[in-house]
Protein backbone atom coordinates (compact mmCIF):
# COMPACT_ATOMS: atom_id res chain seq x y z
CA UNK A 1 -6.15 -3.08 15.10
CA UNK A 2 -9.30 -4.21 13.20
CA UNK A 3 -9.32 -6.94 11.05
CA UNK A 4 -11.46 -7.82 8.07
CA UNK A 5 -11.61 -11.45 6.76
CA UNK A 6 -12.35 -11.91 3.26
CA UNK A 7 -13.24 -15.18 1.23
CA UNK A 8 -11.31 -15.36 -2.16
CA UNK A 9 -12.32 -17.00 -5.28
CA UNK A 10 -9.87 -19.81 -4.38
CA UNK A 11 -11.89 -20.52 -1.29
CA UNK A 12 -9.10 -19.07 1.11
CA UNK A 13 -9.74 -16.67 4.09
CA UNK A 14 -7.39 -13.74 3.96
CA UNK A 15 -7.35 -11.39 7.02
CA UNK A 16 -6.45 -7.67 6.12
CA UNK A 17 -5.78 -4.84 8.69
CA UNK A 18 -8.58 -2.19 8.02
CA UNK A 19 -7.08 1.48 7.17
CA UNK A 20 -7.77 3.77 9.95
CA UNK A 21 -9.56 6.88 9.97
CA UNK A 22 -6.32 8.83 10.78
CA UNK A 23 -4.62 7.29 7.73
CA UNK A 24 -7.67 7.99 5.42
CA UNK A 25 -7.64 11.81 6.62
CA UNK A 26 -3.96 12.12 5.86
CA UNK A 27 -4.21 10.35 2.51
CA UNK A 28 -7.00 12.83 1.55
CA UNK A 29 -4.92 15.83 2.84
CA UNK A 30 -1.91 14.59 0.51
CA UNK A 31 -4.23 14.12 -2.27
CA UNK A 32 -5.50 17.92 -2.00
CA UNK A 33 -1.67 18.75 -1.76
CA UNK A 34 -1.09 17.41 -5.11
CA UNK A 35 -3.08 20.25 -6.60
CA UNK A 36 -1.36 23.08 -4.76
CA UNK A 37 1.38 23.66 -7.32
CA UNK A 38 -1.37 23.89 -10.18
CA UNK A 39 -3.38 26.42 -7.90
CA UNK A 40 -0.09 28.56 -7.50
CA UNK A 41 0.35 28.26 -11.32
CA UNK A 42 -3.38 29.47 -11.93
CA UNK A 43 -2.86 32.41 -9.68
CA UNK A 44 0.49 33.73 -10.81
CA UNK A 45 1.62 32.03 -14.02
CA UNK A 46 -1.55 31.23 -16.26
CA UNK A 47 -2.98 34.92 -16.01
CA UNK A 48 0.19 36.16 -17.70
CA UNK A 49 -0.64 34.37 -20.81
CA UNK A 50 -4.20 35.00 -22.21
CA UNK A 51 -7.78 34.98 -20.90
CA UNK A 52 -8.56 32.06 -23.11
CA UNK A 53 -5.59 30.27 -21.74
CA UNK A 54 -6.56 30.88 -18.22
CA UNK A 55 -10.24 29.69 -18.76
CA UNK A 56 -9.09 26.49 -20.47
CA UNK A 57 -6.60 25.78 -17.63
CA UNK A 58 -9.26 26.37 -15.11
CA UNK A 59 -11.75 24.10 -16.89
CA UNK A 60 -8.95 21.33 -17.17
CA UNK A 61 -8.07 21.76 -13.46
CA UNK A 62 -11.62 21.49 -12.33
CA UNK A 63 -12.20 18.37 -14.37
CA UNK A 64 -8.86 16.71 -13.10
CA UNK A 65 -9.90 17.71 -9.48
CA UNK A 66 -13.35 16.32 -9.56
CA UNK A 67 -12.31 12.97 -11.51
CA UNK A 68 -9.08 12.61 -9.65
CA UNK A 69 -9.90 9.79 -7.04
CA UNK A 70 -11.89 7.62 -9.83
CA UNK A 71 -9.19 7.70 -12.37
CA UNK A 72 -6.24 7.18 -9.62
CA UNK A 73 -8.16 4.14 -8.20
CA UNK A 74 -9.22 2.81 -11.51
CA UNK A 75 -5.75 2.93 -13.09
CA UNK A 76 -3.58 2.51 -9.98
CA UNK A 77 -5.13 -0.57 -8.36
CA UNK A 78 -7.20 1.17 -5.75
CA UNK A 79 -4.78 3.82 -4.79
CA UNK A 80 -4.27 7.56 -5.17
CA UNK A 81 -1.10 9.52 -4.30
CA UNK A 82 -1.95 10.04 -0.77
CA UNK A 83 -3.11 6.44 -0.23
CA UNK A 84 0.09 5.13 -1.85
CA UNK A 85 2.05 7.19 0.70
CA UNK A 86 -0.10 6.08 3.51
CA UNK A 87 0.02 2.55 2.28
CA UNK A 88 -3.68 1.93 2.10
CA UNK A 89 -5.78 0.58 -0.65
CA UNK A 90 -9.39 0.06 -1.99
CA UNK A 91 -10.29 -3.61 -2.41
CA UNK A 92 -13.54 -5.57 -2.98
CA UNK A 93 -15.05 -7.29 -0.11
CA UNK A 94 -14.02 -10.60 -1.92
CA UNK A 95 -10.28 -9.67 -1.84
CA UNK A 96 -10.23 -8.95 -5.52
CA UNK A 97 -9.33 -5.72 -7.34
CA UNK A 98 -12.52 -3.68 -7.54
CA UNK A 99 -14.24 -3.58 -10.88
CA UNK A 100 -14.54 -0.23 -12.44
CA UNK A 101 -18.41 -0.22 -11.60
CA UNK A 102 -17.44 -0.39 -7.89
CA UNK A 103 -14.96 2.49 -8.20
CA UNK A 104 -17.58 4.37 -9.99
CA UNK A 105 -20.20 3.83 -7.42
CA UNK A 106 -17.76 4.64 -4.74
CA UNK A 107 -16.92 8.01 -6.64
CA UNK A 108 -20.55 8.91 -6.98
CA UNK A 109 -21.24 8.61 -3.53
CA UNK A 110 -18.61 11.02 -2.62
CA UNK A 111 -21.43 13.66 -3.14
CA UNK A 112 -23.07 12.23 -0.24
CA UNK A 113 -20.19 11.30 1.81
CA UNK A 114 -18.24 14.58 1.41
CA UNK A 115 -20.79 16.76 -0.38
CA UNK A 116 -24.28 16.98 0.90
CA UNK A 117 -23.01 15.82 4.56
CA UNK A 118 -20.14 18.00 4.53
CA UNK A 119 -17.81 14.93 5.31
CA UNK A 120 -19.78 13.97 8.41
CA UNK A 121 -21.27 11.08 6.52
CA UNK A 122 -18.09 9.57 5.62
CA UNK A 123 -16.60 10.20 9.04
CA UNK A 124 -19.57 8.95 11.01
CA UNK A 125 -20.20 5.95 8.79
CA UNK A 126 -16.54 4.96 8.60
CA UNK A 127 -16.45 5.04 12.42
CA UNK A 128 -19.61 3.16 13.30
CA UNK A 129 -19.62 0.53 10.47
CA UNK A 130 -17.94 -2.94 11.28
CA UNK A 131 -15.29 -2.65 8.37
CA UNK A 132 -14.69 1.05 8.59
CA UNK A 133 -16.62 1.49 5.41
CA UNK A 134 -17.97 4.99 4.30
CA UNK A 135 -21.25 5.15 2.56
CA UNK A 136 -19.70 4.78 -0.89
CA UNK A 137 -17.83 1.67 0.17
CA UNK A 138 -20.96 0.10 1.73
CA UNK A 139 -22.81 0.61 -1.61
CA UNK A 140 -20.06 -0.50 -3.81
CA UNK A 141 -19.04 -3.48 -1.71
CA UNK A 142 -15.36 -2.09 -1.03
CA UNK A 143 -13.26 -1.70 1.86
CA UNK A 144 -9.90 0.31 2.76
CA UNK A 145 -7.09 -1.76 4.00
CA UNK A 146 -3.36 -1.44 4.79
CA UNK A 147 -1.12 -2.78 2.09
CA UNK A 148 1.92 -3.39 4.21
CA UNK A 149 1.95 -6.41 6.50
CA UNK A 150 3.13 -6.32 9.97
CA UNK A 151 5.67 -8.87 9.12
CA UNK A 152 8.31 -7.69 6.32
CA UNK A 153 7.71 -9.81 3.17
CA UNK A 154 11.70 -10.11 2.89
CA UNK A 155 11.28 -12.41 6.05
CA UNK A 156 8.83 -14.59 4.43
CA UNK A 157 9.56 -15.11 0.82
CA UNK A 158 12.52 -14.97 -1.70
CA UNK A 159 12.41 -12.01 -4.14
CA UNK A 160 15.52 -12.63 -5.64
CA UNK A 161 17.37 -15.60 -6.74
CA UNK A 162 21.04 -16.30 -7.74
CA UNK A 163 21.52 -17.10 -11.26
CA UNK A 164 22.79 -20.47 -10.45
CA UNK A 165 19.53 -21.33 -8.65
CA UNK A 166 17.90 -24.42 -9.91
CA UNK A 167 14.05 -24.54 -9.51
CA UNK A 168 12.79 -27.32 -7.46
CA UNK A 169 9.27 -27.15 -9.22
CA UNK A 170 9.52 -26.04 -12.79
CA UNK A 171 5.71 -26.02 -12.77
CA UNK A 172 5.86 -22.91 -10.78
CA UNK A 173 6.11 -21.10 -14.14
CA UNK A 174 2.65 -21.82 -14.98
CA UNK A 175 1.46 -19.49 -12.14
CA UNK A 176 0.76 -15.80 -12.84
CA UNK A 177 1.54 -12.79 -10.86
CA UNK A 178 -2.05 -12.83 -9.41
CA UNK A 179 -1.48 -16.23 -7.91
CA UNK A 180 1.92 -15.30 -6.53
CA UNK A 181 0.43 -12.22 -4.90
CA UNK A 182 -2.35 -14.63 -3.29
CA UNK A 183 0.41 -16.87 -1.94
CA UNK A 184 2.11 -13.70 -0.54
CA UNK A 185 -0.92 -12.85 1.21
CA UNK A 186 -1.49 -16.09 2.63
CA UNK A 187 2.07 -16.40 3.96
CA UNK A 188 1.94 -12.96 5.47
CA UNK A 189 -1.37 -13.63 7.03
CA UNK A 190 0.20 -16.66 8.67
CA UNK A 191 3.02 -14.79 10.16
CA UNK A 192 0.53 -12.22 11.57
CA UNK A 193 -2.18 -14.53 12.78
CA UNK A 194 -0.41 -18.02 13.13
CA UNK A 195 -3.30 -19.53 11.48
CA UNK A 196 -1.66 -22.48 9.75
CA UNK A 197 -4.87 -23.80 8.25
CA UNK A 198 -4.74 -21.14 5.50
CA UNK A 199 -1.18 -22.27 4.47
CA UNK A 200 -2.37 -25.81 4.31
CA UNK A 201 -5.32 -24.97 2.17
CA UNK A 202 -3.41 -22.85 -0.15
CA UNK A 203 -0.60 -25.56 -0.45
CA UNK A 204 -3.10 -28.08 -1.24
CA UNK A 205 -4.77 -26.13 -4.00
CA UNK A 206 -1.26 -25.18 -5.60
CA UNK A 207 -0.35 -28.79 -5.47
CA UNK A 208 -3.58 -29.97 -7.10
CA UNK A 209 -3.38 -27.18 -9.83
CA UNK A 210 0.36 -27.83 -10.69
CA UNK A 211 -0.16 -31.46 -10.25
CA UNK A 212 2.93 -31.59 -7.86
CA UNK A 213 3.93 -34.23 -5.23
CA UNK A 214 6.48 -32.33 -3.08
CA UNK A 215 9.11 -34.35 -1.05
CA UNK A 216 7.61 -35.89 2.37
CA UNK A 217 9.61 -33.91 4.48
CA UNK A 218 8.49 -30.64 2.93
CA UNK A 219 5.69 -28.88 5.03
CA UNK A 220 3.09 -26.47 3.46
CA UNK A 221 4.81 -23.21 4.34
CA UNK A 222 8.20 -24.43 2.87
CA UNK A 223 6.32 -25.63 -0.21
CA UNK A 224 4.72 -22.21 -0.88
CA UNK A 225 8.03 -20.31 -0.13
CA UNK A 226 9.87 -22.63 -2.49
CA UNK A 227 7.03 -22.27 -5.08
CA UNK A 228 7.34 -18.26 -4.85
CA UNK A 229 11.29 -18.54 -5.26
CA UNK A 230 10.89 -20.86 -8.19
CA UNK A 231 8.52 -18.54 -9.78
CA UNK A 232 10.78 -15.42 -9.15
CA UNK A 233 13.79 -17.30 -10.80
CA UNK A 234 11.75 -18.56 -13.74
CA UNK A 235 10.27 -15.19 -14.40
CA UNK A 236 13.50 -13.54 -14.05
CA UNK A 237 15.20 -15.78 -16.56
CA UNK A 238 12.30 -15.24 -19.02
CA UNK A 239 12.63 -11.47 -18.70
CA UNK A 240 16.39 -11.68 -19.49
CA UNK A 241 15.67 -13.57 -22.72
C-alpha cells in the first residue's frame, strides 16, 4: 500500500492511499465502455435517419470522446464514471480540489501519455514515479488517490442524528462542508495510521476558529466527532426549514 502525505492549507498533514495501476486501468476500460451504446447507435440506428444526422452525430460523439475526461474531472470533482466505480479521484498535491488549469494540463498531456507514446509513457511513469503519477499528473501537480478509507466512516463519525438531539457546540454551524470533509479525513487517517498528532492539531485549530473551550475530560478525537455530529444535526435542521 503506497501512501502520499499532503500538507493542507490548514497546516494539517493528511495521508492518502495512492490509486493503483490496476484500478486506473480498469477505470479507463469502464470509461471506454460508457461509449459502447453510442457506437452501437452510430452503426445501426443513426444511419437509418439521414446522412446529415449521421455526420452531426459522429462529430458530437468525437467531441464528447475527446473532452470526456476533462469535462468529467472538472465538473465531478476529479472523477469520471470509471474512477467513481473504482473509488479513485484526482486531487492536487496540496490535498485540495484541483483548479481547472490543473485538469486542463493533465488532459493536454494525455497526448504524450496515451497518444505519442501509445500509453507506455503513462504506464512507465506511473509505475516508476514516487506517487504513481503519469506525466500529466507530474506537470499539473496532481495525483490519483483512493477515495474510500480502509476504516468505514460510519465507525468514525455520526452521519445521522435524532431529531431530539441537542448540539453540544452550536458554533459548529459556522463551519462549511469543506471544513467537515477535512475533519472526516483527519479522523479517518487517525484510524488508519494511529497518528494522534493530526487529530490534536486539527482539534486545536477548530477550537481556535470557533472560540470553543470543550469540557476538560473531552479528548481531541471525541471533540472532533462531536463537532461533526453537531454540524450534521444543525445542517439537517436548517435544510428542513
